[in-house]
Amino acid sequence: MTSSNDINYINAPNYLKQKVGSGGIPPKLIEDAQKVIENNEVDFTPYTQNFLDFISATIDKALKSKFRTHDHVTEMIYPVMQLKAHGGMFRQPLISEIAASALSFLENIYVLDDDALDVIKAHYNALKPILENRIRGLGGKEGQILVKELHNVCQRYYTKYDISPDEY
């Protein structure tokens, strides 16, 4: 047994803190960044279309595949995640919310069986007209009903296949 006199404490230098310092981000910098986001006029449509095209291609690939694997699920996660992340940045929070629902679903399943493909296609079919019609904001009452119904579709899938989903 050792006594407290035998213990030697070593305080390692924190090189990262030495390089960047301590403290936070100045509030003015945060305000300026928020203004840039709010005044952003970049057209997100071409980016969104690329992500939707990738999702569509992955759906087609899964439908044609004799054996569906987890790879089909993971291939779809990246474009859906991009839609979720960029939707808010480019003032299309409805796209972001629908993508969040799809992403949560993809993170809770292992294989794109026929029913899972139907759930993903429902999300895709909801996103496509939002993009085509350049709907901004949350889409009003109808947009929120749409998000709720897509969430309910996922819940029915989880119930049918006895999955306990992680909530988003």
N, C-alpha and C. Protein backbone atom coordinates (compact mmCIF):
# COMPACT_ATOMS: atom_id res chain seq x y z
N MET A 1 0.85 -1.17 0.00
CA MET A 1 0.00 0.00 0.00
C MET A 1 0.90 1.23 0.00
N THR A 2 0.53 2.22 -0.80
CA THR A 2 1.33 3.44 -0.88
C THR A 2 0.68 4.53 -0.06
N SER A 3 1.50 5.40 0.45
CA SER A 3 0.97 6.54 1.21
C SER A 3 0.84 7.73 0.27
N SER A 4 0.11 8.75 0.70
CA SER A 4 -0.09 9.94 -0.13
C SER A 4 1.22 10.65 -0.41
N ASN A 5 2.25 10.40 0.41
CA ASN A 5 3.56 11.02 0.18
C ASN A 5 4.27 10.39 -1.02
N ASP A 6 3.85 9.18 -1.41
CA ASP A 6 4.49 8.49 -2.53
C ASP A 6 3.89 8.85 -3.89
N ILE A 7 2.79 9.60 -3.90
CA ILE A 7 2.12 9.94 -5.16
C ILE A 7 2.73 11.21 -5.72
N ASN A 8 3.06 11.16 -7.01
CA ASN A 8 3.66 12.31 -7.68
C ASN A 8 2.68 12.78 -8.76
N TYR A 9 2.11 13.96 -8.60
CA TYR A 9 1.17 14.51 -9.57
C TYR A 9 1.93 15.28 -10.64
N ILE A 10 1.53 15.07 -11.90
CA ILE A 10 2.15 15.77 -13.01
C ILE A 10 1.06 16.56 -13.73
N ASN A 11 1.25 17.85 -13.88
CA ASN A 11 0.33 18.68 -14.65
C ASN A 11 0.90 18.89 -16.04
N ALA A 12 0.27 18.24 -17.00
CA ALA A 12 0.74 18.35 -18.38
C ALA A 12 0.32 19.70 -18.95
N PRO A 13 1.16 20.27 -19.78
CA PRO A 13 0.79 21.56 -20.39
C PRO A 13 -0.34 21.37 -21.40
N ASN A 14 -1.23 22.33 -21.47
CA ASN A 14 -2.35 22.30 -22.40
C ASN A 14 -1.96 23.15 -23.61
N TYR A 15 -1.35 22.50 -24.60
CA TYR A 15 -0.82 23.22 -25.76
C TYR A 15 -1.92 23.89 -26.58
N LEU A 16 -3.05 23.23 -26.70
CA LEU A 16 -4.14 23.81 -27.47
C LEU A 16 -4.61 25.11 -26.83
N LYS A 17 -4.77 25.10 -25.54
CA LYS A 17 -5.21 26.31 -24.82
C LYS A 17 -4.15 27.40 -24.95
N GLN A 18 -2.88 27.01 -24.95
CA GLN A 18 -1.82 28.00 -25.11
C GLN A 18 -1.88 28.65 -26.49
N LYS A 19 -2.25 27.86 -27.51
CA LYS A 19 -2.31 28.39 -28.87
C LYS A 19 -3.51 29.28 -29.10
N VAL A 20 -4.68 28.87 -28.61
CA VAL A 20 -5.90 29.62 -28.91
C VAL A 20 -6.35 30.52 -27.78
N GLY A 21 -5.80 30.33 -26.61
CA GLY A 21 -6.20 31.17 -25.48
C GLY A 21 -7.46 30.65 -24.83
N SER A 22 -7.95 31.40 -23.88
CA SER A 22 -9.18 31.01 -23.19
C SER A 22 -10.22 32.10 -23.41
N GLY A 23 -11.41 31.80 -23.03
CA GLY A 23 -12.50 32.76 -23.24
C GLY A 23 -13.45 32.23 -24.28
N GLY A 24 -14.31 33.09 -24.75
CA GLY A 24 -15.31 32.66 -25.71
C GLY A 24 -15.21 33.45 -26.99
N ILE A 25 -16.25 33.37 -27.78
CA ILE A 25 -16.33 34.12 -29.02
C ILE A 25 -16.97 35.46 -28.70
N PRO A 26 -16.37 36.54 -29.14
CA PRO A 26 -16.95 37.86 -28.86
C PRO A 26 -18.37 37.96 -29.42
N PRO A 27 -19.31 38.50 -28.65
CA PRO A 27 -20.70 38.59 -29.09
C PRO A 27 -20.86 39.31 -30.44
N LYS A 28 -20.01 40.29 -30.72
CA LYS A 28 -20.09 41.02 -31.99
C LYS A 28 -19.85 40.07 -33.16
N LEU A 29 -18.91 39.15 -33.01
CA LEU A 29 -18.63 38.16 -34.07
C LEU A 29 -19.84 37.27 -34.31
N ILE A 30 -20.50 36.86 -33.25
CA ILE A 30 -21.68 36.01 -33.37
C ILE A 30 -22.81 36.79 -34.06
N GLU A 31 -23.00 38.04 -33.67
CA GLU A 31 -24.04 38.88 -34.29
C GLU A 31 -23.76 39.07 -35.78
N ASP A 32 -22.50 39.33 -36.13
CA ASP A 32 -22.14 39.51 -37.53
C ASP A 32 -22.38 38.24 -38.34
N ALA A 33 -22.04 37.10 -37.76
CA ALA A 33 -22.25 35.82 -38.44
C ALA A 33 -23.75 35.57 -38.65
N GLN A 34 -24.55 35.90 -37.64
CA GLN A 34 -26.00 35.72 -37.76
C GLN A 34 -26.57 36.62 -38.87
N LYS A 35 -26.07 37.83 -38.99
CA LYS A 35 -26.53 38.74 -40.05
C LYS A 35 -26.19 38.18 -41.43
N VAL A 36 -25.00 37.61 -41.56
CA VAL A 36 -24.61 37.01 -42.84
C VAL A 36 -25.57 35.88 -43.20
N ILE A 37 -25.91 35.05 -42.22
CA ILE A 37 -26.84 33.94 -42.46
C ILE A 37 -28.21 34.47 -42.86
N GLU A 38 -28.70 35.47 -42.13
CA GLU A 38 -30.03 36.02 -42.40
C GLU A 38 -30.10 36.72 -43.75
N ASN A 39 -29.02 37.32 -44.20
CA ASN A 39 -29.02 38.06 -45.46
C ASN A 39 -28.48 37.23 -46.62
N ASN A 40 -28.28 35.95 -46.40
CA ASN A 40 -27.74 35.07 -47.41
C ASN A 40 -28.72 34.94 -48.57
N GLU A 41 -28.28 35.24 -49.76
CA GLU A 41 -29.13 35.15 -50.95
C GLU A 41 -28.70 34.03 -51.89
N VAL A 42 -27.84 33.14 -51.42
CA VAL A 42 -27.39 32.02 -52.26
C VAL A 42 -28.56 31.11 -52.56
N ASP A 43 -28.69 30.72 -53.80
CA ASP A 43 -29.75 29.81 -54.21
C ASP A 43 -29.31 28.38 -53.89
N PHE A 44 -29.98 27.79 -52.95
CA PHE A 44 -29.66 26.44 -52.47
C PHE A 44 -30.21 25.37 -53.41
N THR A 45 -31.09 25.77 -54.33
CA THR A 45 -31.79 24.81 -55.18
C THR A 45 -30.88 23.84 -55.93
N PRO A 46 -29.82 24.31 -56.60
CA PRO A 46 -28.97 23.33 -57.31
C PRO A 46 -28.33 22.29 -56.38
N TYR A 47 -27.94 22.73 -55.18
CA TYR A 47 -27.35 21.80 -54.22
C TYR A 47 -28.40 20.78 -53.76
N THR A 48 -29.58 21.31 -53.46
CA THR A 48 -30.66 20.44 -53.01
C THR A 48 -31.00 19.42 -54.09
N GLN A 49 -31.06 19.88 -55.33
CA GLN A 49 -31.39 18.97 -56.43
C GLN A 49 -30.37 17.85 -56.55
N ASN A 50 -29.10 18.18 -56.37
CA ASN A 50 -28.05 17.14 -56.41
C ASN A 50 -28.26 16.10 -55.31
N PHE A 51 -28.59 16.58 -54.11
CA PHE A 51 -28.82 15.66 -52.99
C PHE A 51 -30.05 14.79 -53.25
N LEU A 52 -31.12 15.41 -53.78
CA LEU A 52 -32.33 14.65 -54.09
C LEU A 52 -32.06 13.62 -55.19
N ASP A 53 -31.29 14.01 -56.19
CA ASP A 53 -30.93 13.07 -57.26
C ASP A 53 -30.17 11.88 -56.70
N PHE A 54 -29.28 12.13 -55.76
CA PHE A 54 -28.50 11.05 -55.15
C PHE A 54 -29.42 10.12 -54.36
N ILE A 55 -30.38 10.71 -53.63
CA ILE A 55 -31.33 9.89 -52.86
C ILE A 55 -32.15 9.04 -53.83
N SER A 56 -32.63 9.64 -54.90
CA SER A 56 -33.41 8.91 -55.90
C SER A 56 -32.61 7.77 -56.51
N ALA A 57 -31.36 8.03 -56.84
CA ALA A 57 -30.50 6.99 -57.42
C ALA A 57 -30.28 5.85 -56.42
N THR A 58 -30.13 6.18 -55.16
CA THR A 58 -29.93 5.16 -54.14
C THR A 58 -31.19 4.32 -53.95
N ILE A 59 -32.36 4.98 -54.00
CA ILE A 59 -33.62 4.24 -53.93
C ILE A 59 -33.71 3.26 -55.10
N ASP A 60 -33.42 3.75 -56.32
CA ASP A 60 -33.46 2.89 -57.50
C ASP A 60 -32.48 1.72 -57.38
N LYS A 61 -31.30 2.03 -56.90
CA LYS A 61 -30.26 0.99 -56.73
C LYS A 61 -30.74 -0.08 -55.75
N ALA A 62 -31.35 0.36 -54.65
CA ALA A 62 -31.85 -0.59 -53.66
C ALA A 62 -32.99 -1.43 -54.22
N LEU A 63 -33.87 -0.79 -55.00
CA LEU A 63 -34.99 -1.52 -55.60
C LEU A 63 -34.50 -2.60 -56.57
N LYS A 64 -33.45 -2.32 -57.29
CA LYS A 64 -32.92 -3.26 -58.28
C LYS A 64 -32.01 -4.32 -57.66
N SER A 65 -31.57 -4.08 -56.44
CA SER A 65 -30.63 -4.98 -55.80
C SER A 65 -31.31 -6.27 -55.36
N LYS A 66 -30.67 -7.37 -55.65
CA LYS A 66 -31.18 -8.67 -55.22
C LYS A 66 -31.05 -8.82 -53.70
N PHE A 67 -29.93 -8.31 -53.17
CA PHE A 67 -29.69 -8.36 -51.74
C PHE A 67 -29.45 -6.95 -51.23
N ARG A 68 -30.32 -6.49 -50.38
CA ARG A 68 -30.14 -5.16 -49.81
C ARG A 68 -29.32 -5.28 -48.54
N THR A 69 -28.38 -4.37 -48.40
CA THR A 69 -27.49 -4.40 -47.24
C THR A 69 -27.56 -3.06 -46.52
N HIS A 70 -26.83 -3.00 -45.45
CA HIS A 70 -26.75 -1.76 -44.67
C HIS A 70 -26.08 -0.65 -45.50
N ASP A 71 -25.31 -1.04 -46.49
CA ASP A 71 -24.66 -0.05 -47.35
C ASP A 71 -25.67 0.88 -48.03
N HIS A 72 -26.83 0.35 -48.38
CA HIS A 72 -27.86 1.18 -49.00
C HIS A 72 -28.33 2.27 -48.01
N VAL A 73 -28.43 1.90 -46.76
CA VAL A 73 -28.83 2.86 -45.73
C VAL A 73 -27.74 3.91 -45.56
N THR A 74 -26.51 3.48 -45.42
CA THR A 74 -25.42 4.43 -45.17
C THR A 74 -25.18 5.35 -46.37
N GLU A 75 -25.40 4.86 -47.58
CA GLU A 75 -25.25 5.72 -48.76
C GLU A 75 -26.24 6.88 -48.73
N MET A 76 -27.39 6.64 -48.17
CA MET A 76 -28.44 7.64 -48.16
C MET A 76 -28.24 8.66 -47.03
N ILE A 77 -27.51 8.31 -46.02
CA ILE A 77 -27.36 9.20 -44.86
C ILE A 77 -26.68 10.51 -45.23
N TYR A 78 -25.62 10.47 -46.03
CA TYR A 78 -24.89 11.70 -46.35
C TYR A 78 -25.77 12.76 -47.03
N PRO A 79 -26.46 12.45 -48.13
CA PRO A 79 -27.26 13.50 -48.75
C PRO A 79 -28.40 13.99 -47.86
N VAL A 80 -28.99 13.09 -47.09
CA VAL A 80 -30.07 13.50 -46.18
C VAL A 80 -29.51 14.42 -45.09
N MET A 81 -28.33 14.09 -44.59
CA MET A 81 -27.70 14.92 -43.58
C MET A 81 -27.39 16.31 -44.14
N GLN A 82 -26.95 16.36 -45.38
CA GLN A 82 -26.65 17.64 -46.02
C GLN A 82 -27.92 18.49 -46.17
N LEU A 83 -29.01 17.86 -46.54
CA LEU A 83 -30.28 18.59 -46.65
C LEU A 83 -30.70 19.15 -45.30
N LYS A 84 -30.54 18.35 -44.28
CA LYS A 84 -30.91 18.79 -42.92
C LYS A 84 -30.05 19.98 -42.50
N ALA A 85 -28.76 19.87 -42.71
CA ALA A 85 -27.84 20.92 -42.27
C ALA A 85 -28.00 22.21 -43.07
N HIS A 86 -28.14 22.08 -44.37
CA HIS A 86 -28.16 23.26 -45.22
C HIS A 86 -29.53 23.91 -45.31
N GLY A 87 -30.59 23.16 -45.05
CA GLY A 87 -31.93 23.73 -45.12
C GLY A 87 -32.09 24.95 -44.23
N GLY A 88 -31.63 24.86 -43.01
CA GLY A 88 -31.73 25.98 -42.09
C GLY A 88 -30.84 27.14 -42.50
N MET A 89 -29.67 26.83 -42.98
CA MET A 89 -28.72 27.86 -43.40
C MET A 89 -29.25 28.69 -44.56
N PHE A 90 -30.00 28.04 -45.44
CA PHE A 90 -30.49 28.72 -46.64
C PHE A 90 -31.98 29.05 -46.55
N ARG A 91 -32.45 29.26 -45.35
CA ARG A 91 -33.82 29.67 -45.06
C ARG A 91 -34.87 28.73 -45.66
N GLN A 92 -34.60 27.46 -45.55
CA GLN A 92 -35.57 26.46 -45.96
C GLN A 92 -35.72 25.44 -44.81
N PRO A 93 -36.23 25.91 -43.67
CA PRO A 93 -36.32 25.04 -42.51
C PRO A 93 -37.27 23.86 -42.70
N LEU A 94 -38.22 23.97 -43.62
CA LEU A 94 -39.10 22.83 -43.87
C LEU A 94 -38.30 21.67 -44.47
N ILE A 95 -37.39 21.98 -45.37
CA ILE A 95 -36.50 20.95 -45.92
C ILE A 95 -35.67 20.35 -44.79
N SER A 96 -35.19 21.20 -43.92
CA SER A 96 -34.38 20.74 -42.79
C SER A 96 -35.17 19.81 -41.87
N GLU A 97 -36.42 20.16 -41.59
CA GLU A 97 -37.24 19.33 -40.70
C GLU A 97 -37.58 17.98 -41.33
N ILE A 98 -37.92 17.99 -42.61
CA ILE A 98 -38.24 16.72 -43.29
C ILE A 98 -36.99 15.85 -43.36
N ALA A 99 -35.86 16.46 -43.67
CA ALA A 99 -34.61 15.71 -43.72
C ALA A 99 -34.24 15.17 -42.34
N ALA A 100 -34.54 15.93 -41.28
CA ALA A 100 -34.26 15.46 -39.92
C ALA A 100 -35.07 14.21 -39.63
N SER A 101 -36.31 14.19 -40.07
CA SER A 101 -37.16 13.01 -39.88
C SER A 101 -36.59 11.81 -40.65
N ALA A 102 -36.18 12.04 -41.90
CA ALA A 102 -35.60 10.96 -42.71
C ALA A 102 -34.29 10.47 -42.11
N LEU A 103 -33.47 11.39 -41.64
CA LEU A 103 -32.18 11.03 -41.06
C LEU A 103 -32.37 10.19 -39.80
N SER A 104 -33.28 10.62 -38.96
CA SER A 104 -33.56 9.86 -37.74
C SER A 104 -34.03 8.44 -38.10
N PHE A 105 -34.88 8.35 -39.11
CA PHE A 105 -35.36 7.05 -39.56
C PHE A 105 -34.20 6.18 -40.03
N LEU A 106 -33.35 6.73 -40.89
CA LEU A 106 -32.21 5.96 -41.42
C LEU A 106 -31.27 5.51 -40.31
N GLU A 107 -31.14 6.32 -39.28
CA GLU A 107 -30.25 5.96 -38.18
C GLU A 107 -30.83 4.87 -37.29
N ASN A 108 -32.11 4.58 -37.46
CA ASN A 108 -32.77 3.58 -36.62
C ASN A 108 -33.07 2.27 -37.33
N ILE A 109 -32.71 2.19 -38.61
CA ILE A 109 -32.96 0.95 -39.34
C ILE A 109 -31.63 0.36 -39.79
N TYR A 110 -31.68 -0.90 -40.21
CA TYR A 110 -30.45 -1.54 -40.65
C TYR A 110 -30.45 -1.79 -42.17
N VAL A 111 -31.61 -2.14 -42.71
CA VAL A 111 -31.71 -2.49 -44.13
C VAL A 111 -32.91 -1.76 -44.73
N LEU A 112 -32.79 -1.41 -46.01
CA LEU A 112 -33.91 -0.78 -46.71
C LEU A 112 -34.82 -1.87 -47.28
N ASP A 113 -35.66 -2.43 -46.41
CA ASP A 113 -36.64 -3.39 -46.91
C ASP A 113 -37.71 -2.60 -47.68
N ASP A 114 -38.69 -3.29 -48.22
CA ASP A 114 -39.71 -2.61 -49.04
C ASP A 114 -40.44 -1.52 -48.26
N ASP A 115 -40.79 -1.80 -47.00
CA ASP A 115 -41.50 -0.80 -46.20
C ASP A 115 -40.60 0.39 -45.88
N ALA A 116 -39.34 0.13 -45.59
CA ALA A 116 -38.40 1.23 -45.31
C ALA A 116 -38.22 2.10 -46.55
N LEU A 117 -38.16 1.46 -47.71
CA LEU A 117 -38.06 2.22 -48.96
C LEU A 117 -39.30 3.10 -49.16
N ASP A 118 -40.47 2.58 -48.79
CA ASP A 118 -41.69 3.39 -48.89
C ASP A 118 -41.61 4.61 -47.97
N VAL A 119 -41.06 4.43 -46.78
CA VAL A 119 -40.91 5.56 -45.85
C VAL A 119 -39.96 6.60 -46.43
N ILE A 120 -38.84 6.15 -46.96
CA ILE A 120 -37.87 7.08 -47.55
C ILE A 120 -38.47 7.76 -48.78
N LYS A 121 -39.20 7.00 -49.60
CA LYS A 121 -39.84 7.60 -50.78
C LYS A 121 -40.85 8.67 -50.37
N ALA A 122 -41.55 8.46 -49.26
CA ALA A 122 -42.51 9.46 -48.77
C ALA A 122 -41.77 10.76 -48.42
N HIS A 123 -40.62 10.64 -47.78
CA HIS A 123 -39.82 11.83 -47.46
C HIS A 123 -39.32 12.50 -48.74
N TYR A 124 -38.84 11.69 -49.65
CA TYR A 124 -38.34 12.21 -50.94
C TYR A 124 -39.47 12.94 -51.68
N ASN A 125 -40.64 12.31 -51.73
CA ASN A 125 -41.78 12.92 -52.43
C ASN A 125 -42.28 14.18 -51.75
N ALA A 126 -42.01 14.33 -50.48
CA ALA A 126 -42.35 15.57 -49.78
C ALA A 126 -41.32 16.66 -50.09
N LEU A 127 -40.07 16.28 -50.18
CA LEU A 127 -39.00 17.25 -50.41
C LEU A 127 -39.00 17.80 -51.84
N LYS A 128 -39.30 16.96 -52.80
CA LYS A 128 -39.20 17.35 -54.21
C LYS A 128 -40.05 18.58 -54.55
N PRO A 129 -41.34 18.62 -54.23
CA PRO A 129 -42.13 19.81 -54.58
C PRO A 129 -41.73 21.05 -53.78
N ILE A 130 -41.21 20.86 -52.59
CA ILE A 130 -40.74 22.01 -51.81
C ILE A 130 -39.59 22.67 -52.54
N LEU A 131 -38.70 21.85 -53.06
CA LEU A 131 -37.58 22.36 -53.84
C LEU A 131 -38.07 23.00 -55.14
N GLU A 132 -38.88 22.28 -55.87
CA GLU A 132 -39.35 22.77 -57.17
C GLU A 132 -40.12 24.08 -57.07
N ASN A 133 -40.87 24.24 -55.98
CA ASN A 133 -41.67 25.45 -55.80
C ASN A 133 -40.97 26.50 -54.95
N ARG A 134 -39.73 26.20 -54.59
CA ARG A 134 -38.90 27.12 -53.81
C ARG A 134 -39.63 27.66 -52.56
N ILE A 135 -40.22 26.73 -51.84
CA ILE A 135 -40.95 27.10 -50.63
C ILE A 135 -39.96 27.46 -49.53
N ARG A 136 -40.12 28.64 -48.99
CA ARG A 136 -39.27 29.13 -47.90
C ARG A 136 -40.03 28.98 -46.59
N GLY A 137 -39.33 29.11 -45.50
CA GLY A 137 -39.97 29.04 -44.20
C GLY A 137 -40.41 27.63 -43.86
N LEU A 138 -41.42 27.55 -43.00
CA LEU A 138 -41.88 26.25 -42.52
C LEU A 138 -43.09 25.72 -43.28
N GLY A 139 -43.51 26.43 -44.33
CA GLY A 139 -44.63 25.94 -45.13
C GLY A 139 -45.98 26.12 -44.48
N GLY A 140 -46.04 26.96 -43.47
CA GLY A 140 -47.33 27.22 -42.80
C GLY A 140 -47.87 26.00 -42.10
N LYS A 141 -49.19 26.02 -41.90
CA LYS A 141 -49.88 24.93 -41.21
C LYS A 141 -49.70 23.62 -41.97
N GLU A 142 -49.78 23.69 -43.31
CA GLU A 142 -49.66 22.49 -44.13
C GLU A 142 -48.27 21.86 -43.99
N GLY A 143 -47.25 22.71 -43.91
CA GLY A 143 -45.89 22.21 -43.76
C GLY A 143 -45.71 21.45 -42.46
N GLN A 144 -46.29 21.97 -41.40
CA GLN A 144 -46.16 21.31 -40.10
C GLN A 144 -46.97 20.02 -40.04
N ILE A 145 -48.12 20.00 -40.72
CA ILE A 145 -48.91 18.76 -40.82
C ILE A 145 -48.11 17.71 -41.57
N LEU A 146 -47.45 18.12 -42.65
CA LEU A 146 -46.62 17.22 -43.45
C LEU A 146 -45.51 16.61 -42.60
N VAL A 147 -44.81 17.45 -41.85
CA VAL A 147 -43.73 16.96 -40.98
C VAL A 147 -44.27 15.97 -39.96
N LYS A 148 -45.41 16.29 -39.37
CA LYS A 148 -46.01 15.41 -38.36
C LYS A 148 -46.41 14.07 -38.98
N GLU A 149 -46.99 14.10 -40.17
CA GLU A 149 -47.40 12.86 -40.83
C GLU A 149 -46.20 12.00 -41.21
N LEU A 150 -45.11 12.62 -41.65
CA LEU A 150 -43.90 11.85 -41.96
C LEU A 150 -43.34 11.21 -40.69
N HIS A 151 -43.40 11.93 -39.60
CA HIS A 151 -42.97 11.38 -38.31
C HIS A 151 -43.86 10.17 -37.96
N ASN A 152 -45.18 10.31 -38.18
CA ASN A 152 -46.10 9.22 -37.89
C ASN A 152 -45.84 7.99 -38.76
N VAL A 153 -45.47 8.22 -40.03
CA VAL A 153 -45.12 7.10 -40.92
C VAL A 153 -43.95 6.32 -40.33
N CYS A 154 -42.95 7.05 -39.86
CA CYS A 154 -41.78 6.40 -39.24
C CYS A 154 -42.21 5.61 -38.00
N GLN A 155 -43.08 6.19 -37.19
CA GLN A 155 -43.54 5.53 -35.97
C GLN A 155 -44.28 4.23 -36.30
N ARG A 156 -45.09 4.25 -37.35
CA ARG A 156 -45.81 3.03 -37.74
C ARG A 156 -44.82 1.94 -38.18
N TYR A 157 -43.78 2.34 -38.87
CA TYR A 157 -42.75 1.38 -39.28
C TYR A 157 -42.09 0.77 -38.03
N TYR A 158 -41.73 1.64 -37.09
CA TYR A 158 -41.07 1.15 -35.86
C TYR A 158 -41.97 0.17 -35.12
N THR A 159 -43.26 0.49 -35.05
CA THR A 159 -44.20 -0.39 -34.36
C THR A 159 -44.31 -1.73 -35.08
N LYS A 160 -44.44 -1.69 -36.39
CA LYS A 160 -44.57 -2.92 -37.18
C LYS A 160 -43.37 -3.84 -37.00
N TYR A 161 -42.16 -3.26 -36.95
CA TYR A 161 -40.94 -4.06 -36.88
C TYR A 161 -40.34 -4.09 -35.47
N ASP A 162 -41.13 -3.63 -34.49
CA ASP A 162 -40.72 -3.68 -33.09
C ASP A 162 -39.34 -3.05 -32.87
N ILE A 163 -39.20 -1.81 -33.34
CA ILE A 163 -37.96 -1.06 -33.20
C ILE A 163 -38.19 0.04 -32.18
N SER A 164 -37.25 0.19 -31.26
CA SER A 164 -37.30 1.29 -30.30
C SER A 164 -36.38 2.39 -30.82
N PRO A 165 -36.94 3.40 -31.47
CA PRO A 165 -36.09 4.41 -32.11
C PRO A 165 -35.48 5.40 -31.12
N ASP A 166 -34.32 5.94 -31.52
CA ASP A 166 -33.76 7.07 -30.81
C ASP A 166 -34.55 8.27 -31.29
N GLU A 167 -34.98 9.12 -30.42
CA GLU A 167 -35.77 10.29 -30.81
C GLU A 167 -34.86 11.36 -31.39
N TYR A 168 -35.37 12.09 -32.38
CA TYR A 168 -34.61 13.22 -32.93
C TYR A 168 -35.13 14.50 -32.36
